[in-house]
Amino acid sequence: MTSNVNRRLFDVALEPVSGSLFQPTGFPDIGNALFQRPVRNGSGDIRWEDSLLVESAQSMANRLEGTAWDASTETPASLFDGLPYVRVVHDADDSYLTSSRTEAHRLASAFIKDASLGGEGMKAVIKERLRLQDDRPLSQRDVAAGVFAMDPFCLVHGVFFAEPASVWPGQPKVLRAVTGVIEAHDVRRADSGGVKKDHVRHSLSDVEGGTAEGYGTVPFHRTEWTAAEIVASFSVDRAQIRSYGLGDPATELLEAISLWEIRTLLDGVLRLRTACDLGPLADSFSDQAGEPLPDAASLEADIRRLIPETADLVGDGQAIEVRWAGGKKRGKS
């Protein structure tokens, strides 16, 4: 068994909710991510098994973050009221653009670092709040405290301030504390096809506009897959969360958020693509050490209790609204 002192590791068996086939993720110029994994038997011998990456770590990070965001109101889920985040509005009309909860690079997003807060550029604001200085080593505790005060979720999902050292000395980086991935093991191809049929235009020989424009009847093929097992694996790095040095309430809160996101994702509709709709085989989940994953209600109660206890780190906990005036136009070469 794996100790749960430094990490919580979950392996959750999934299956297609309808039929037997599923569509894994694909990548440009690569297609489906087929690989072989080593499987060790009781005597220690290894055999290699065809497997597929169904959902990548970067995509799962987006899905986990999405559980805490209300897309209908473009605000965080109400459970997280009292925790700050950076909200970007357009300087021209105050319309909402994006946020540190939805941007791929979070606090290091171009829309945030090129925005301003109270007339001051956000690059300077971030440098000051993370206490970054030339000729001084990075203080991981100062970085963590500064990030927590702007958006605690960046300490869960990571952020990399990759500007040159002249902008952000030391280029601080926070790794993901929660990671997820979905793999399928012992896979087999399922090839099929279909046809896009045009009931109006029956001939393309003497008219303008062909299949490239969407006219005509076009046959196509597709590849789906079956698998002996599909597994969603999650890791919550407790040691990393403790290393921030933010005190017990903040440490417990970040872990509770991580577990809540996992639980909410598993309890929800795990439809990754049109032809990839998965669901857990069980209703309850335990980590590799046998410790149960709490239900959503218990985790929500913990989060509501812990948020007020972090007031010394987040102040009023309101959204930090910054203004983005538009990217600079490139000069002609």
C-alpha atoms as a PDB file:
ATOM      1  CA  MET A   1       0.000   0.000   0.000  1.00  0.00           C
ATOM      2  CA  THR A   2       1.082   3.580  -0.640  1.00  0.00           C
ATOM      3  CA  SER A   3       1.403   5.839   2.384  1.00  0.00           C
ATOM      4  CA  ASN A   4      -1.107   8.688   2.480  1.00  0.00           C
ATOM      5  CA  VAL A   5       1.152  10.952   4.550  1.00  0.00           C
ATOM      6  CA  ASN A   6       2.703  12.773   1.595  1.00  0.00           C
ATOM      7  CA  ARG A   7       0.298  11.910  -1.220  1.00  0.00           C
ATOM      8  CA  ARG A   8      -3.209  10.687  -1.772  1.00  0.00           C
ATOM      9  CA  LEU A   9      -3.381   8.458  -4.835  1.00  0.00           C
ATOM     10  CA  PHE A  10      -6.691   7.358  -6.346  1.00  0.00           C
ATOM     11  CA  ASP A  11      -7.334   4.852  -9.143  1.00  0.00           C
ATOM     12  CA  VAL A  12     -10.976   4.927 -10.226  1.00  0.00           C
ATOM     13  CA  ALA A  13     -12.318   2.317 -12.658  1.00  0.00           C
ATOM     14  CA  LEU A  14     -14.482   3.769 -15.432  1.00  0.00           C
ATOM     15  CA  GLU A  15     -16.612   2.328 -18.241  1.00  0.00           C
ATOM     16  CA  PRO A  16     -18.584   3.707 -21.204  1.00  0.00           C
ATOM     17  CA  VAL A  17     -22.090   4.595 -20.029  1.00  0.00           C
ATOM     18  CA  SER A  18     -23.547   3.288 -23.298  1.00  0.00           C
ATOM     19  CA  GLY A  19     -22.167   0.497 -25.431  1.00  0.00           C
ATOM     20  CA  SER A  20     -18.542  -0.616 -25.354  1.00  0.00           C
ATOM     21  CA  LEU A  21     -16.712   1.923 -27.519  1.00  0.00           C
ATOM     22  CA  PHE A  22     -14.999   5.178 -26.602  1.00  0.00           C
ATOM     23  CA  GLN A  23     -13.065   7.910 -28.387  1.00  0.00           C
ATOM     24  CA  PRO A  24      -9.725   8.843 -26.775  1.00  0.00           C
ATOM     25  CA  THR A  25      -8.011  12.193 -27.010  1.00  0.00           C
ATOM     26  CA  GLY A  26      -6.048  12.932 -30.163  1.00  0.00           C
ATOM     27  CA  PHE A  27      -3.206  15.251 -31.055  1.00  0.00           C
ATOM     28  CA  PRO A  28      -2.293  17.042 -34.331  1.00  0.00           C
ATOM     29  CA  ASP A  29       0.167  15.050 -36.460  1.00  0.00           C
ATOM     30  CA  ILE A  30       0.085  12.235 -33.883  1.00  0.00           C
ATOM     31  CA  GLY A  31      -3.499  11.058 -33.630  1.00  0.00           C
ATOM     32  CA  ASN A  32      -4.427   8.828 -30.715  1.00  0.00           C
ATOM     33  CA  ALA A  33      -1.753   8.449 -28.035  1.00  0.00           C
ATOM     34  CA  LEU A  34      -1.194   4.681 -28.156  1.00  0.00           C
ATOM     35  CA  PHE A  35       1.546   3.332 -25.892  1.00  0.00           C
ATOM     36  CA  GLN A  36       2.645   0.131 -24.216  1.00  0.00           C
ATOM     37  CA  ARG A  37       2.692  -0.130 -20.447  1.00  0.00           C
ATOM     38  CA  PRO A  38       4.655  -2.697 -18.423  1.00  0.00           C
ATOM     39  CA  VAL A  39       2.590  -5.212 -16.446  1.00  0.00           C
ATOM     40  CA  ARG A  40       4.471  -7.255 -13.859  1.00  0.00           C
ATOM     41  CA  ASN A  41       3.204 -10.700 -12.857  1.00  0.00           C
ATOM     42  CA  GLY A  42       3.596 -12.465  -9.524  1.00  0.00           C
ATOM     43  CA  SER A  43       7.028 -13.823 -10.384  1.00  0.00           C
ATOM     44  CA  GLY A  44       8.329 -10.411 -11.368  1.00  0.00           C
ATOM     45  CA  ASP A  45       8.277 -10.964 -15.139  1.00  0.00           C
ATOM     46  CA  ILE A  46       7.071  -8.082 -17.288  1.00  0.00           C
ATOM     47  CA  ARG A  47       4.758  -8.210 -20.279  1.00  0.00           C
ATOM     48  CA  TRP A  48       3.902  -5.182 -22.387  1.00  0.00           C
ATOM     49  CA  GLU A  49       0.280  -4.226 -22.887  1.00  0.00           C
ATOM     50  CA  ASP A  50      -1.244  -1.932 -25.527  1.00  0.00           C
ATOM     51  CA  SER A  51      -2.759   1.101 -23.817  1.00  0.00           C
ATOM     52  CA  LEU A  52      -4.220   4.492 -24.714  1.00  0.00           C
ATOM     53  CA  LEU A  53      -4.144   7.941 -23.206  1.00  0.00           C
ATOM     54  CA  VAL A  54      -7.854   8.767 -22.945  1.00  0.00           C
ATOM     55  CA  GLU A  55      -7.462  12.198 -21.312  1.00  0.00           C
ATOM     56  CA  SER A  56      -4.180  14.039 -20.737  1.00  0.00           C
ATOM     57  CA  ALA A  57      -2.997  15.634 -17.497  1.00  0.00           C
ATOM     58  CA  GLN A  58      -3.345  19.126 -18.968  1.00  0.00           C
ATOM     59  CA  SER A  59      -6.911  18.476 -20.098  1.00  0.00           C
ATOM     60  CA  MET A  60      -7.830  16.914 -16.756  1.00  0.00           C
ATOM     61  CA  ALA A  61      -6.474  20.009 -15.006  1.00  0.00           C
ATOM     62  CA  ASN A  62      -8.916  22.109 -17.030  1.00  0.00           C
ATOM     63  CA  ARG A  63     -11.775  19.763 -16.159  1.00  0.00           C
ATOM     64  CA  LEU A  64     -10.926  19.793 -12.459  1.00  0.00           C
ATOM     65  CA  GLU A  65     -10.735  23.600 -12.434  1.00  0.00           C
ATOM     66  CA  GLY A  66     -14.017  23.755 -14.325  1.00  0.00           C
ATOM     67  CA  THR A  67     -15.881  22.104 -11.461  1.00  0.00           C
ATOM     68  CA  ALA A  68     -15.316  25.257  -9.384  1.00  0.00           C
ATOM     69  CA  TRP A  69     -16.417  27.741 -12.057  1.00  0.00           C
ATOM     70  CA  ASP A  70     -19.989  28.768 -12.927  1.00  0.00           C
ATOM     71  CA  ALA A  71     -19.925  29.355 -16.677  1.00  0.00           C
ATOM     72  CA  SER A  72     -23.499  30.686 -16.668  1.00  0.00           C
ATOM     73  CA  THR A  73     -22.512  33.691 -14.531  1.00  0.00           C
ATOM     74  CA  GLU A  74     -18.786  33.818 -15.417  1.00  0.00           C
ATOM     75  CA  THR A  75     -17.930  33.730 -11.736  1.00  0.00           C
ATOM     76  CA  PRO A  76     -16.555  31.121  -9.318  1.00  0.00           C
ATOM     77  CA  ALA A  77     -19.015  28.637  -7.813  1.00  0.00           C
ATOM     78  CA  SER A  78     -20.679  30.231  -4.782  1.00  0.00           C
ATOM     79  CA  LEU A  79     -19.024  27.663  -2.488  1.00  0.00           C
ATOM     80  CA  PHE A  80     -15.775  29.606  -2.940  1.00  0.00           C
ATOM     81  CA  ASP A  81     -17.096  33.033  -1.997  1.00  0.00           C
ATOM     82  CA  GLY A  82     -14.460  34.643   0.180  1.00  0.00           C
ATOM     83  CA  LEU A  83     -11.502  33.453  -1.884  1.00  0.00           C
ATOM     84  CA  PRO A  84      -9.891  36.030  -4.190  1.00  0.00           C
ATOM     85  CA  TYR A  85      -9.166  35.656  -7.878  1.00  0.00           C
ATOM     86  CA  VAL A  86      -8.187  38.024 -10.662  1.00  0.00           C
ATOM     87  CA  ARG A  87     -11.064  39.127 -12.873  1.00  0.00           C
ATOM     88  CA  VAL A  88     -10.108  40.824 -16.160  1.00  0.00           C
ATOM     89  CA  VAL A  89     -12.374  43.423 -17.749  1.00  0.00           C
ATOM     90  CA  HIS A  90     -11.867  45.329 -20.988  1.00  0.00           C
ATOM     91  CA  ASP A  91     -10.801  48.887 -20.378  1.00  0.00           C
ATOM     92  CA  ALA A  92     -13.015  50.155 -23.211  1.00  0.00           C
ATOM     93  CA  ASP A  93     -16.398  49.110 -21.812  1.00  0.00           C
ATOM     94  CA  ASP A  94     -15.876  47.234 -18.522  1.00  0.00           C
ATOM     95  CA  SER A  95     -17.023  43.980 -20.127  1.00  0.00           C
ATOM     96  CA  TYR A  96     -15.766  40.706 -18.664  1.00  0.00           C
ATOM     97  CA  LEU A  97     -12.925  39.088 -20.602  1.00  0.00           C
ATOM     98  CA  THR A  98     -11.361  36.284 -18.579  1.00  0.00           C
ATOM     99  CA  SER A  99      -9.962  35.392 -15.169  1.00  0.00           C
ATOM    100  CA  SER A 100      -7.153  33.634 -13.328  1.00  0.00           C
ATOM    101  CA  ARG A 101      -9.547  30.694 -12.805  1.00  0.00           C
ATOM    102  CA  THR A 102     -10.129  30.157 -16.524  1.00  0.00           C
ATOM    103  CA  GLU A 103      -6.882  31.214 -18.226  1.00  0.00           C
ATOM    104  CA  ALA A 104      -4.466  28.434 -19.206  1.00  0.00           C
ATOM    105  CA  HIS A 105      -1.552  30.208 -17.481  1.00  0.00           C
ATOM    106  CA  ARG A 106      -3.687  31.475 -14.596  1.00  0.00           C
ATOM    107  CA  LEU A 107      -1.993  34.461 -12.889  1.00  0.00           C
ATOM    108  CA  ALA A 108       0.743  34.406 -15.541  1.00  0.00           C
ATOM    109  CA  SER A 109      -1.766  34.824 -18.393  1.00  0.00           C
ATOM    110  CA  ALA A 110      -0.979  37.514 -20.934  1.00  0.00           C
ATOM    111  CA  PHE A 111      -4.392  39.073 -20.258  1.00  0.00           C
ATOM    112  CA  ILE A 112      -3.447  39.478 -16.586  1.00  0.00           C
ATOM    113  CA  LYS A 113       0.225  40.432 -16.777  1.00  0.00           C
ATOM    114  CA  ASP A 114      -0.559  43.049 -19.475  1.00  0.00           C
ATOM    115  CA  ALA A 115      -3.452  44.504 -17.479  1.00  0.00           C
ATOM    116  CA  SER A 116      -3.379  47.207 -14.824  1.00  0.00           C
ATOM    117  CA  LEU A 117      -4.651  47.502 -11.260  1.00  0.00           C
ATOM    118  CA  GLY A 118      -5.392  50.996 -10.004  1.00  0.00           C
ATOM    119  CA  GLY A 119      -3.254  52.427 -12.797  1.00  0.00           C
ATOM    120  CA  GLU A 120      -0.243  50.211 -12.009  1.00  0.00           C
ATOM    121  CA  GLY A 121       0.901  47.479 -14.378  1.00  0.00           C
ATOM    122  CA  MET A 122       0.219  43.959 -13.149  1.00  0.00           C
ATOM    123  CA  LYS A 123       3.791  42.836 -13.786  1.00  0.00           C
ATOM    124  CA  ALA A 124       4.924  45.299 -11.128  1.00  0.00           C
ATOM    125  CA  VAL A 125       2.014  44.346  -8.849  1.00  0.00           C
ATOM    126  CA  ILE A 126       2.842  40.642  -9.039  1.00  0.00           C
ATOM    127  CA  LYS A 127       6.550  41.319  -8.476  1.00  0.00           C
ATOM    128  CA  GLU A 128       5.729  43.300  -5.342  1.00  0.00           C
ATOM    129  CA  ARG A 129       3.167  40.855  -3.952  1.00  0.00           C
ATOM    130  CA  LEU A 130       5.480  37.865  -4.426  1.00  0.00           C
ATOM    131  CA  ARG A 131       8.327  39.921  -2.897  1.00  0.00           C
ATOM    132  CA  LEU A 132      10.634  39.242  -5.812  1.00  0.00           C
ATOM    133  CA  GLN A 133      13.976  41.041  -5.621  1.00  0.00           C
ATOM    134  CA  ASP A 134      17.212  41.062  -7.547  1.00  0.00           C
ATOM    135  CA  ASP A 135      20.209  39.622  -5.722  1.00  0.00           C
ATOM    136  CA  ARG A 136      17.947  37.753  -3.303  1.00  0.00           C
ATOM    137  CA  PRO A 137      17.012  34.060  -3.313  1.00  0.00           C
ATOM    138  CA  LEU A 138      13.376  33.179  -3.895  1.00  0.00           C
ATOM    139  CA  SER A 139      11.374  32.753  -0.718  1.00  0.00           C
ATOM    140  CA  GLN A 140       8.938  29.937  -1.484  1.00  0.00           C
ATOM    141  CA  ARG A 141       6.809  30.937   1.486  1.00  0.00           C
ATOM    142  CA  ASP A 142       6.564  34.549   0.253  1.00  0.00           C
ATOM    143  CA  VAL A 143       5.714  33.337  -3.253  1.00  0.00           C
ATOM    144  CA  ALA A 144       3.037  30.977  -1.903  1.00  0.00           C
ATOM    145  CA  ALA A 145       1.573  33.662   0.366  1.00  0.00           C
ATOM    146  CA  GLY A 146       1.506  36.191  -2.485  1.00  0.00           C
ATOM    147  CA  VAL A 147      -0.162  33.732  -4.848  1.00  0.00           C
ATOM    148  CA  PHE A 148      -2.680  32.656  -2.187  1.00  0.00           C
ATOM    149  CA  ALA A 149      -3.669  36.293  -1.642  1.00  0.00           C
ATOM    150  CA  MET A 150      -4.415  36.714  -5.376  1.00  0.00           C
ATOM    151  CA  ASP A 151      -5.846  33.273  -6.229  1.00  0.00           C
ATOM    152  CA  PRO A 152      -5.439  30.218  -3.970  1.00  0.00           C
ATOM    153  CA  PHE A 153      -6.413  27.924  -6.847  1.00  0.00           C
ATOM    154  CA  CYS A 154      -3.034  28.659  -8.451  1.00  0.00           C
ATOM    155  CA  LEU A 155      -1.438  26.767  -5.550  1.00  0.00           C
ATOM    156  CA  VAL A 156      -3.640  23.784  -6.460  1.00  0.00           C
ATOM    157  CA  HIS A 157      -3.212  23.822 -10.237  1.00  0.00           C
ATOM    158  CA  GLY A 158       0.159  25.531 -10.629  1.00  0.00           C
ATOM    159  CA  VAL A 159       1.494  28.695 -12.211  1.00  0.00           C
ATOM    160  CA  PHE A 160       4.780  29.632 -13.886  1.00  0.00           C
ATOM    161  CA  PHE A 161       5.930  33.251 -14.023  1.00  0.00           C
ATOM    162  CA  ALA A 162       8.129  32.831 -17.092  1.00  0.00           C
ATOM    163  CA  GLU A 163       8.962  36.449 -17.913  1.00  0.00           C
ATOM    164  CA  PRO A 164      12.670  37.371 -17.993  1.00  0.00           C
ATOM    165  CA  ALA A 165      14.371  37.840 -14.634  1.00  0.00           C
ATOM    166  CA  SER A 166      14.325  41.596 -15.211  1.00  0.00           C
ATOM    167  CA  VAL A 167      10.514  41.409 -14.914  1.00  0.00           C
ATOM    168  CA  TRP A 168      10.060  38.673 -12.312  1.00  0.00           C
ATOM    169  CA  PRO A 169      13.394  37.885 -10.605  1.00  0.00           C
ATOM    170  CA  GLY A 170      13.840  34.169 -10.046  1.00  0.00           C
ATOM    171  CA  GLN A 171      10.946  33.263 -12.368  1.00  0.00           C
ATOM    172  CA  PRO A 172       8.965  31.498  -9.597  1.00  0.00           C
ATOM    173  CA  LYS A 173       7.099  28.344 -10.514  1.00  0.00           C
ATOM    174  CA  VAL A 174       4.422  26.435  -8.620  1.00  0.00           C
ATOM    175  CA  LEU A 175       3.853  22.840  -9.721  1.00  0.00           C
ATOM    176  CA  ARG A 176       0.421  21.246  -9.852  1.00  0.00           C
ATOM    177  CA  ALA A 177      -0.541  19.898  -6.441  1.00  0.00           C
ATOM    178  CA  VAL A 178      -3.403  17.861  -7.891  1.00  0.00           C
ATOM    179  CA  THR A 179      -2.937  15.858 -11.075  1.00  0.00           C
ATOM    180  CA  GLY A 180      -5.303  13.616 -13.001  1.00  0.00           C
ATOM    181  CA  VAL A 181      -5.099  11.420 -16.078  1.00  0.00           C
ATOM    182  CA  ILE A 182      -7.305   8.777 -17.726  1.00  0.00           C
ATOM    183  CA  GLU A 183      -5.781   5.709 -19.386  1.00  0.00           C
ATOM    184  CA  ALA A 184      -7.256   2.656 -21.106  1.00  0.00           C
ATOM    185  CA  HIS A 185      -5.429  -0.671 -20.816  1.00  0.00           C
ATOM    186  CA  ASP A 186      -5.391  -3.749 -23.043  1.00  0.00           C
ATOM    187  CA  VAL A 187      -7.049  -1.880 -25.896  1.00  0.00           C
ATOM    188  CA  ARG A 188      -8.396  -3.008 -29.272  1.00  0.00           C
ATOM    189  CA  ARG A 189      -9.310  -0.927 -32.320  1.00  0.00           C
ATOM    190  CA  ALA A 190     -12.898  -0.640 -33.496  1.00  0.00           C
ATOM    191  CA  ASP A 191     -12.925   0.700 -37.059  1.00  0.00           C
ATOM    192  CA  SER A 192     -16.154   1.900 -38.628  1.00  0.00           C
ATOM    193  CA  GLY A 193     -17.361   4.592 -40.977  1.00  0.00           C
ATOM    194  CA  GLY A 194     -20.270   6.545 -42.325  1.00  0.00           C
ATOM    195  CA  VAL A 195     -21.324   8.980 -44.988  1.00  0.00           C
ATOM    196  CA  LYS A 196     -22.235  12.620 -45.042  1.00  0.00           C
ATOM    197  CA  LYS A 197     -25.077  12.606 -47.552  1.00  0.00           C
ATOM    198  CA  ASP A 198     -26.166  15.585 -49.642  1.00  0.00           C
ATOM    199  CA  HIS A 199     -29.887  15.359 -50.427  1.00  0.00           C
ATOM    200  CA  VAL A 200     -29.854  18.508 -52.573  1.00  0.00           C
ATOM    201  CA  ARG A 201     -26.735  18.564 -54.723  1.00  0.00           C
ATOM    202  CA  HIS A 202     -26.291  15.247 -56.488  1.00  0.00           C
ATOM    203  CA  SER A 203     -23.509  16.165 -58.880  1.00  0.00           C
ATOM    204  CA  LEU A 204     -20.400  18.295 -58.426  1.00  0.00           C
ATOM    205  CA  SER A 205     -19.038  18.008 -61.938  1.00  0.00           C
ATOM    206  CA  ASP A 206     -20.560  21.108 -63.520  1.00  0.00           C
ATOM    207  CA  VAL A 207     -21.092  23.554 -60.641  1.00  0.00           C
ATOM    208  CA  GLU A 208     -18.940  25.695 -58.401  1.00  0.00           C
ATOM    209  CA  GLY A 209     -18.564  24.576 -54.818  1.00  0.00           C
ATOM    210  CA  GLY A 210     -17.340  21.112 -53.979  1.00  0.00           C
ATOM    211  CA  THR A 211     -16.712  18.982 -50.943  1.00  0.00           C
ATOM    212  CA  ALA A 212     -14.245  21.536 -49.520  1.00  0.00           C
ATOM    213  CA  GLU A 213     -17.157  23.976 -49.232  1.00  0.00           C
ATOM    214  CA  GLY A 214     -19.442  21.343 -47.705  1.00  0.00           C
ATOM    215  CA  TYR A 215     -21.351  20.193 -50.802  1.00  0.00           C
ATOM    216  CA  GLY A 216     -21.740  16.633 -52.029  1.00  0.00           C
ATOM    217  CA  THR A 217     -21.932  13.183 -50.519  1.00  0.00           C
ATOM    218  CA  VAL A 218     -18.742  12.287 -48.641  1.00  0.00           C
ATOM    219  CA  PRO A 219     -17.911   8.893 -47.096  1.00  0.00           C
ATOM    220  CA  PHE A 220     -15.653   8.866 -44.034  1.00  0.00           C
ATOM    221  CA  HIS A 221     -14.003   6.415 -41.675  1.00  0.00           C
ATOM    222  CA  ARG A 222     -13.535   6.565 -37.926  1.00  0.00           C
ATOM    223  CA  THR A 223     -11.607   4.644 -35.303  1.00  0.00           C
ATOM    224  CA  GLU A 224     -12.917   4.051 -31.813  1.00  0.00           C
ATOM    225  CA  TRP A 225     -11.572   1.689 -29.172  1.00  0.00           C
ATOM    226  CA  THR A 226     -12.527  -0.933 -26.624  1.00  0.00           C
ATOM    227  CA  ALA A 227     -10.507  -1.723 -23.505  1.00  0.00           C
ATOM    228  CA  ALA A 228     -10.276  -4.326 -20.786  1.00  0.00           C
ATOM    229  CA  GLU A 229     -10.166  -1.452 -18.291  1.00  0.00           C
ATOM    230  CA  ILE A 230     -10.327   2.332 -18.197  1.00  0.00           C
ATOM    231  CA  VAL A 231      -8.808   4.023 -15.151  1.00  0.00           C
ATOM    232  CA  ALA A 232      -8.868   7.615 -13.929  1.00  0.00           C
ATOM    233  CA  SER A 233      -5.830   8.239 -11.709  1.00  0.00           C
ATOM    234  CA  PHE A 234      -5.510  11.226  -9.391  1.00  0.00           C
ATOM    235  CA  SER A 235      -2.681  12.418  -7.158  1.00  0.00           C
ATOM    236  CA  VAL A 236      -2.974  15.021  -4.397  1.00  0.00           C
ATOM    237  CA  ASP A 237       0.514  16.087  -3.295  1.00  0.00           C
ATOM    238  CA  ARG A 238       0.094  16.748   0.410  1.00  0.00           C
ATOM    239  CA  ALA A 239       3.819  17.299   0.887  1.00  0.00           C
ATOM    240  CA  GLN A 240       3.818  20.127  -1.651  1.00  0.00           C
ATOM    241  CA  ILE A 241       0.799  21.777  -0.062  1.00  0.00           C
ATOM    242  CA  ARG A 242       2.452  21.630   3.355  1.00  0.00           C
ATOM    243  CA  SER A 243       5.675  23.039   1.907  1.00  0.00           C
ATOM    244  CA  TYR A 244       3.921  26.360   1.199  1.00  0.00           C
ATOM    245  CA  GLY A 245       4.163  27.066   4.941  1.00  0.00           C
ATOM    246  CA  LEU A 246       0.833  28.889   5.084  1.00  0.00           C
ATOM    247  CA  GLY A 247      -0.438  27.414   8.340  1.00  0.00           C
ATOM    248  CA  ASP A 248      -2.973  24.714   9.116  1.00  0.00           C
ATOM    249  CA  PRO A 249      -6.213  26.385   7.892  1.00  0.00           C
ATOM    250  CA  ALA A 250      -4.786  27.260   4.453  1.00  0.00           C
ATOM    251  CA  THR A 251      -3.091  23.862   4.134  1.00  0.00           C
ATOM    252  CA  GLU A 252      -6.313  22.028   4.995  1.00  0.00           C
ATOM    253  CA  LEU A 253      -8.300  24.285   2.673  1.00  0.00           C
ATOM    254  CA  LEU A 254      -6.072  23.612  -0.351  1.00  0.00           C
ATOM    255  CA  GLU A 255      -6.293  19.866   0.228  1.00  0.00           C
ATOM    256  CA  ALA A 256     -10.074  20.063   0.686  1.00  0.00           C
ATOM    257  CA  ILE A 257     -10.403  21.998  -2.597  1.00  0.00           C
ATOM    258  CA  SER A 258      -8.294  19.365  -4.381  1.00  0.00           C
ATOM    259  CA  LEU A 259     -10.417  16.501  -3.054  1.00  0.00           C
ATOM    260  CA  TRP A 260     -13.667  18.382  -3.733  1.00  0.00           C
ATOM    261  CA  GLU A 261     -12.709  18.899  -7.366  1.00  0.00           C
ATOM    262  CA  ILE A 262     -11.931  15.197  -7.794  1.00  0.00           C
ATOM    263  CA  ARG A 263     -15.156  14.153  -6.072  1.00  0.00           C
ATOM    264  CA  THR A 264     -17.268  16.635  -8.035  1.00  0.00           C
ATOM    265  CA  LEU A 265     -15.735  15.545 -11.336  1.00  0.00           C
ATOM    266  CA  LEU A 266     -16.443  11.876 -10.583  1.00  0.00           C
ATOM    267  CA  ASP A 267     -19.981  12.621  -9.366  1.00  0.00           C
ATOM    268  CA  GLY A 268     -20.797  14.645 -12.464  1.00  0.00           C
ATOM    269  CA  VAL A 269     -21.177  13.826 -16.147  1.00  0.00           C
ATOM    270  CA  LEU A 270     -17.805  12.665 -17.429  1.00  0.00           C
ATOM    271  CA  ARG A 271     -18.534  13.207 -21.119  1.00  0.00           C
ATOM    272  CA  LEU A 272     -15.105  13.988 -22.519  1.00  0.00           C
ATOM    273  CA  ARG A 273     -16.107  14.043 -26.189  1.00  0.00           C
ATOM    274  CA  THR A 274     -19.138  13.249 -28.339  1.00  0.00           C
ATOM    275  CA  ALA A 275     -18.184   9.566 -28.462  1.00  0.00           C
ATOM    276  CA  CYS A 276     -16.488   9.362 -25.059  1.00  0.00           C
ATOM    277  CA  ASP A 277     -19.044   9.336 -22.254  1.00  0.00           C
ATOM    278  CA  LEU A 278     -17.690   7.549 -19.177  1.00  0.00           C
ATOM    279  CA  GLY A 279     -18.868   6.801 -15.665  1.00  0.00           C
ATOM    280  CA  PRO A 280     -17.358   5.203 -12.533  1.00  0.00           C
ATOM    281  CA  LEU A 281     -18.033   1.543 -11.824  1.00  0.00           C
ATOM    282  CA  ALA A 282     -18.604   2.334  -8.122  1.00  0.00           C
ATOM    283  CA  ASP A 283     -20.195   5.131  -6.087  1.00  0.00           C
ATOM    284  CA  SER A 284     -17.532   5.267  -3.372  1.00  0.00           C
ATOM    285  CA  PHE A 285     -13.788   5.699  -3.829  1.00  0.00           C
ATOM    286  CA  SER A 286     -10.744   5.080  -1.671  1.00  0.00           C
ATOM    287  CA  ASP A 287      -7.102   5.953  -2.176  1.00  0.00           C
ATOM    288  CA  GLN A 288      -4.354   3.368  -2.508  1.00  0.00           C
ATOM    289  CA  ALA A 289      -3.891   3.352   1.277  1.00  0.00           C
ATOM    290  CA  GLY A 290      -7.577   2.545   1.812  1.00  0.00           C
ATOM    291  CA  GLU A 291      -8.595   6.015   3.041  1.00  0.00           C
ATOM    292  CA  PRO A 292     -12.037   6.935   1.637  1.00  0.00           C
ATOM    293  CA  LEU A 293     -12.571   9.979  -0.555  1.00  0.00           C
ATOM    294  CA  PRO A 294     -15.143  12.046   1.395  1.00  0.00           C
ATOM    295  CA  ASP A 295     -18.461  12.819  -0.235  1.00  0.00           C
ATOM    296  CA  ALA A 296     -19.050  16.251  -1.726  1.00  0.00           C
ATOM    297  CA  ALA A 297     -21.244  17.446   1.150  1.00  0.00           C
ATOM    298  CA  SER A 298     -18.546  16.722   3.752  1.00  0.00           C
ATOM    299  CA  LEU A 299     -15.887  18.475   1.684  1.00  0.00           C
ATOM    300  CA  GLU A 300     -18.163  21.470   1.113  1.00  0.00           C
ATOM    301  CA  ALA A 301     -18.685  21.780   4.874  1.00  0.00           C
ATOM    302  CA  ASP A 302     -14.922  21.716   5.398  1.00  0.00           C
ATOM    303  CA  ILE A 303     -14.369  24.385   2.736  1.00  0.00           C
ATOM    304  CA  ARG A 304     -17.039  26.695   4.206  1.00  0.00           C
ATOM    305  CA  ARG A 305     -15.494  26.295   7.657  1.00  0.00           C
ATOM    306  CA  LEU A 306     -11.917  26.877   6.510  1.00  0.00           C
ATOM    307  CA  ILE A 307     -12.360  29.891   4.193  1.00  0.00           C
ATOM    308  CA  PRO A 308     -13.020  32.382   7.050  1.00  0.00           C
ATOM    309  CA  GLU A 309     -10.010  30.951   8.903  1.00  0.00           C
ATOM    310  CA  THR A 310      -7.712  32.130   6.080  1.00  0.00           C
ATOM    311  CA  ALA A 311      -8.775  35.780   6.314  1.00  0.00           C
ATOM    312  CA  ASP A 312      -5.294  36.765   7.477  1.00  0.00           C
ATOM    313  CA  LEU A 313      -3.960  35.624   4.085  1.00  0.00           C
ATOM    314  CA  VAL A 314      -6.712  36.845   1.740  1.00  0.00           C
ATOM    315  CA  GLY A 315      -8.064  39.974   3.411  1.00  0.00           C
ATOM    316  CA  ASP A 316     -11.605  40.703   2.233  1.00  0.00           C
ATOM    317  CA  GLY A 317     -11.455  37.795  -0.228  1.00  0.00           C
ATOM    318  CA  GLN A 318     -13.029  39.798  -3.036  1.00  0.00           C
ATOM    319  CA  ALA A 319     -12.267  39.524  -6.729  1.00  0.00           C
ATOM    320  CA  ILE A 320      -9.277  41.593  -7.845  1.00  0.00           C
ATOM    321  CA  GLU A 321     -10.556  43.431 -10.912  1.00  0.00           C
ATOM    322  CA  VAL A 322      -7.895  44.448 -13.414  1.00  0.00           C
ATOM    323  CA  ARG A 323      -8.234  46.330 -16.669  1.00  0.00           C
ATOM    324  CA  TRP A 324      -6.894  45.135 -20.016  1.00  0.00           C
ATOM    325  CA  ALA A 325      -6.624  47.784 -22.722  1.00  0.00           C
ATOM    326  CA  GLY A 326      -5.648  45.529 -25.614  1.00  0.00           C
ATOM    327  CA  GLY A 327      -2.464  43.966 -26.929  1.00  0.00           C
ATOM    328  CA  LYS A 328       0.184  46.088 -28.568  1.00  0.00           C
ATOM    329  CA  LYS A 329       0.251  45.942 -32.354  1.00  0.00           C
ATOM    330  CA  ARG A 330       3.355  44.464 -33.876  1.00  0.00           C
ATOM    331  CA  GLY A 331       5.452  46.767 -36.052  1.00  0.00           C
ATOM    332  CA  LYS A 332       5.941  46.007 -39.723  1.00  0.00           C
ATOM    333  CA  SER A 333       9.050  44.059 -40.541  1.00  0.00           C
END
